[in-house]
Amino acid sequence: MGNRLSKISTKTGDKGETGLGDGSRISKTSTRINVIGEVDELNSWVGVLAAELDSQDAHQIILSQIQHDLFDLGGELCVPGYKALAPSMLDELENKLVEINEVLPPLKDFILPGGNKAASYCHMARSVGRRAERAIVALALEEKDGDSSVTPLAIQYLNRLSDFFFVLARDLARKDGGQETLWKSRHTQSKTDT
């Protein structure tokens, strides 16, 4: 797919445009470039999370796969009309989400982002994933009738990925005897304290 980069500083973007994988040039403020940036940031947070976990942690395999999937999604976005995601990628993610969630206690309260560093990184990935999802939906609406439109699978993948990171955060918060931080409303607290 596409050309390999042999020169990083090309200066071709100095006037506010950038090149797509199909050779076309668009504004760096376009919705498509915004989505590419959101997916890139999400992939970076997944890398931070993976670096926080022990190299032998069982979650490393799925995190590595997610990074590759996000790179494939970036390829789809960079080359309008190109398809790289497959339904099996969504299936694998959903299966892992279910597997992790099955061993967690039922969620009875809202939880705050945090718990420990790894869980916090999960919450960052989750929230950036939701932002990427909103951005890709905006792109899909903007280009809904074109040949380069976003596939439903791309939207589904980002949606499920945020769910996955929520569940993974719950799991990682319990590492080494830790726990989730439950939300307690000040309004509710003041009523129960009196």
Protein backbone atom coordinates (compact mmCIF):
# COMPACT_ATOMS: atom_id res chain seq x y z
CA MET A 1 0.00 0.00 0.00
CA GLY A 2 1.33 3.40 -1.00
CA ASN A 3 4.87 4.68 -0.99
CA ARG A 4 7.28 4.15 1.87
CA LEU A 5 8.61 7.29 3.50
CA SER A 6 12.29 7.78 2.87
CA LYS A 7 12.31 11.48 3.71
CA ILE A 8 10.34 12.70 6.74
CA SER A 9 10.75 16.48 6.43
CA THR A 10 9.33 17.15 2.96
CA LYS A 11 8.07 20.71 3.60
CA THR A 12 5.05 19.92 1.39
CA GLY A 13 2.68 20.71 4.28
CA ASP A 14 4.05 24.16 4.98
CA LYS A 15 1.01 25.85 3.41
CA GLY A 16 -1.61 23.99 5.47
CA GLU A 17 -2.31 21.06 3.18
CA THR A 18 -1.32 17.42 3.45
CA GLY A 19 -1.24 14.50 1.09
CA LEU A 20 -3.46 11.45 1.27
CA GLY A 21 -2.36 7.99 0.26
CA ASP A 22 -4.12 8.30 -3.09
CA GLY A 23 -1.97 11.32 -4.02
CA SER A 24 -4.66 13.95 -3.44
CA ARG A 25 -4.01 16.96 -1.23
CA ILE A 26 -6.44 18.31 1.34
CA SER A 27 -6.50 20.91 4.09
CA LYS A 28 -5.04 19.92 7.42
CA THR A 29 -8.27 21.25 8.95
CA SER A 30 -10.49 18.80 7.03
CA THR A 31 -12.71 16.35 8.87
CA ARG A 32 -10.81 13.43 7.33
CA ILE A 33 -7.45 14.66 8.66
CA ASN A 34 -9.05 15.32 12.04
CA VAL A 35 -10.23 11.69 12.20
CA ILE A 36 -6.79 10.42 11.17
CA GLY A 37 -5.28 12.48 13.99
CA GLU A 38 -7.79 11.16 16.54
CA VAL A 39 -7.07 7.55 15.55
CA ASP A 40 -3.33 8.25 15.74
CA GLU A 41 -3.69 9.73 19.23
CA LEU A 42 -5.74 6.73 20.31
CA ASN A 43 -3.07 4.38 18.98
CA SER A 44 -0.46 6.34 20.93
CA TRP A 45 -2.44 5.92 24.17
CA VAL A 46 -2.68 2.19 23.51
CA GLY A 47 1.12 2.20 23.21
CA VAL A 48 1.47 4.04 26.51
CA LEU A 49 -0.84 1.51 28.17
CA ALA A 50 1.09 -1.43 26.74
CA ALA A 51 4.37 0.09 27.96
CA GLU A 52 2.93 0.35 31.48
CA LEU A 53 2.05 -3.35 31.63
CA ASP A 54 4.56 -6.10 32.24
CA SER A 55 5.81 -7.54 28.95
CA GLN A 56 4.38 -10.94 29.99
CA ASP A 57 0.93 -9.55 30.83
CA ALA A 58 -1.81 -11.54 29.09
CA HIS A 59 -3.34 -8.32 27.74
CA GLN A 60 -0.25 -7.49 25.64
CA ILE A 61 -1.46 -9.69 22.75
CA ILE A 62 -4.80 -7.92 22.33
CA LEU A 63 -3.21 -4.49 22.81
CA SER A 64 -0.71 -5.24 20.06
CA GLN A 65 -3.52 -6.42 17.79
CA ILE A 66 -5.53 -3.27 18.52
CA GLN A 67 -2.55 -1.11 17.53
CA HIS A 68 -2.29 -2.96 14.22
CA ASP A 69 -6.06 -2.65 13.68
CA LEU A 70 -5.92 1.08 14.35
CA PHE A 71 -3.10 1.40 11.85
CA ASP A 72 -5.29 -0.44 9.32
CA LEU A 73 -8.11 1.99 10.11
CA GLY A 74 -5.69 4.87 9.55
CA GLY A 75 -4.89 3.32 6.16
CA GLU A 76 -8.58 3.28 5.26
CA LEU A 77 -8.87 6.93 6.22
CA CYS A 78 -5.68 7.92 4.39
CA VAL A 79 -6.67 6.22 1.13
CA PRO A 80 -10.33 7.05 0.46
CA GLY A 81 -12.14 3.98 -0.86
CA TYR A 82 -9.53 1.52 0.48
CA LYS A 83 -10.81 -1.15 2.88
CA ALA A 84 -8.48 -2.74 5.45
CA LEU A 85 -10.74 -3.64 8.38
CA ALA A 86 -12.40 -7.05 8.38
CA PRO A 87 -15.40 -8.27 10.42
CA SER A 88 -13.10 -10.77 12.14
CA MET A 89 -11.26 -7.83 13.77
CA LEU A 90 -14.49 -6.68 15.39
CA ASP A 91 -15.33 -10.26 16.41
CA GLU A 92 -11.95 -10.73 18.10
CA LEU A 93 -12.36 -7.47 20.01
CA GLU A 94 -15.89 -8.34 21.12
CA ASN A 95 -14.83 -11.82 22.23
CA LYS A 96 -11.99 -10.41 24.33
CA LEU A 97 -14.32 -7.81 25.84
CA VAL A 98 -16.78 -10.54 26.87
CA GLU A 99 -13.97 -12.73 28.23
CA ILE A 100 -12.64 -9.96 30.49
CA ASN A 101 -16.09 -8.79 31.57
CA GLU A 102 -17.24 -12.28 32.61
CA VAL A 103 -14.86 -12.37 35.57
CA LEU A 104 -15.69 -8.86 36.81
CA PRO A 105 -18.31 -8.20 39.49
CA PRO A 106 -21.53 -6.59 38.25
CA LEU A 107 -21.26 -2.82 37.89
CA LYS A 108 -23.60 -1.26 40.46
CA ASP A 109 -22.11 2.23 40.67
CA PHE A 110 -20.49 4.75 38.38
CA ILE A 111 -16.71 4.62 38.51
CA LEU A 112 -14.23 7.44 38.20
CA PRO A 113 -11.32 7.26 35.77
CA GLY A 114 -8.32 6.07 37.74
CA GLY A 115 -7.57 3.26 40.16
CA ASN A 116 -3.92 2.84 39.20
CA LYS A 117 -1.70 4.01 36.37
CA ALA A 118 -2.62 1.21 33.93
CA ALA A 119 -6.36 1.65 34.56
CA SER A 120 -5.95 5.41 34.14
CA TYR A 121 -4.26 4.90 30.77
CA CYS A 122 -7.20 2.66 29.79
CA HIS A 123 -9.60 5.48 30.63
CA MET A 124 -7.53 7.87 28.52
CA ALA A 125 -7.70 5.42 25.62
CA ARG A 126 -11.45 5.03 26.21
CA SER A 127 -12.14 8.77 26.16
CA VAL A 128 -9.91 9.43 23.14
CA GLY A 129 -11.60 6.47 21.44
CA ARG A 130 -15.00 8.08 22.00
CA ARG A 131 -13.67 11.32 20.52
CA ALA A 132 -12.35 9.41 17.50
CA GLU A 133 -15.74 7.73 17.17
CA ARG A 134 -17.54 11.08 17.16
CA ALA A 135 -15.10 12.39 14.55
CA ILE A 136 -15.52 9.37 12.26
CA VAL A 137 -19.31 9.64 12.50
CA ALA A 138 -19.00 13.31 11.45
CA LEU A 139 -16.87 12.23 8.48
CA ALA A 140 -19.38 9.53 7.54
CA LEU A 141 -22.21 12.07 7.55
CA GLU A 142 -20.13 14.56 5.57
CA GLU A 143 -19.22 12.00 2.88
CA LYS A 144 -22.26 9.71 3.04
CA ASP A 145 -22.88 9.61 -0.71
CA GLY A 146 -19.32 9.35 -1.98
CA ASP A 147 -17.18 6.39 -3.02
CA SER A 148 -14.75 7.23 -0.23
CA SER A 149 -17.34 7.07 2.53
CA VAL A 150 -16.56 5.54 5.89
CA THR A 151 -17.59 1.92 6.34
CA PRO A 152 -20.04 0.99 9.10
CA LEU A 153 -17.37 -1.45 10.34
CA ALA A 154 -14.97 1.42 11.07
CA ILE A 155 -17.58 3.13 13.26
CA GLN A 156 -18.50 -0.15 14.97
CA TYR A 157 -14.86 -0.95 15.68
CA LEU A 158 -14.23 2.40 17.40
CA ASN A 159 -17.46 2.09 19.35
CA ARG A 160 -16.58 -1.39 20.60
CA LEU A 161 -13.00 -0.37 21.30
CA SER A 162 -14.13 2.26 23.81
CA ASP A 163 -16.31 -0.36 25.50
CA PHE A 164 -13.30 -2.69 25.57
CA PHE A 165 -11.10 -0.09 27.28
CA PHE A 166 -13.78 0.56 29.90
CA VAL A 167 -13.91 -3.14 30.78
CA LEU A 168 -10.12 -3.47 30.66
CA ALA A 169 -9.79 -0.49 33.01
CA ARG A 170 -12.08 -2.25 35.48
CA ASP A 171 -9.93 -5.36 35.26
CA LEU A 172 -6.62 -3.52 35.60
CA ALA A 173 -7.87 -1.43 38.54
CA ARG A 174 -8.08 -4.70 40.50
CA LYS A 175 -4.44 -5.69 39.87
CA ASP A 176 -2.35 -6.34 42.95
CA GLY A 177 -5.37 -6.02 45.25
CA GLY A 178 -6.42 -2.60 43.95
CA GLN A 179 -9.94 -1.42 43.37
CA GLU A 180 -12.03 0.92 41.30
CA THR A 181 -12.82 4.41 42.53
CA LEU A 182 -16.57 4.75 42.91
CA TRP A 183 -18.31 8.02 42.18
CA LYS A 184 -20.02 9.62 45.16
CA SER A 185 -22.20 12.62 44.52
CA ARG A 186 -21.71 15.49 46.95
CA HIS A 187 -25.44 16.03 46.80
CA THR A 188 -26.13 12.43 47.83
CA GLN A 189 -23.39 12.52 50.49
CA SER A 190 -24.79 15.65 52.14
CA LYS A 191 -28.25 14.06 52.37
CA THR A 192 -26.91 10.87 53.96
CA ASP A 193 -24.62 12.75 56.36
CA THR A 194 -27.48 14.66 57.98
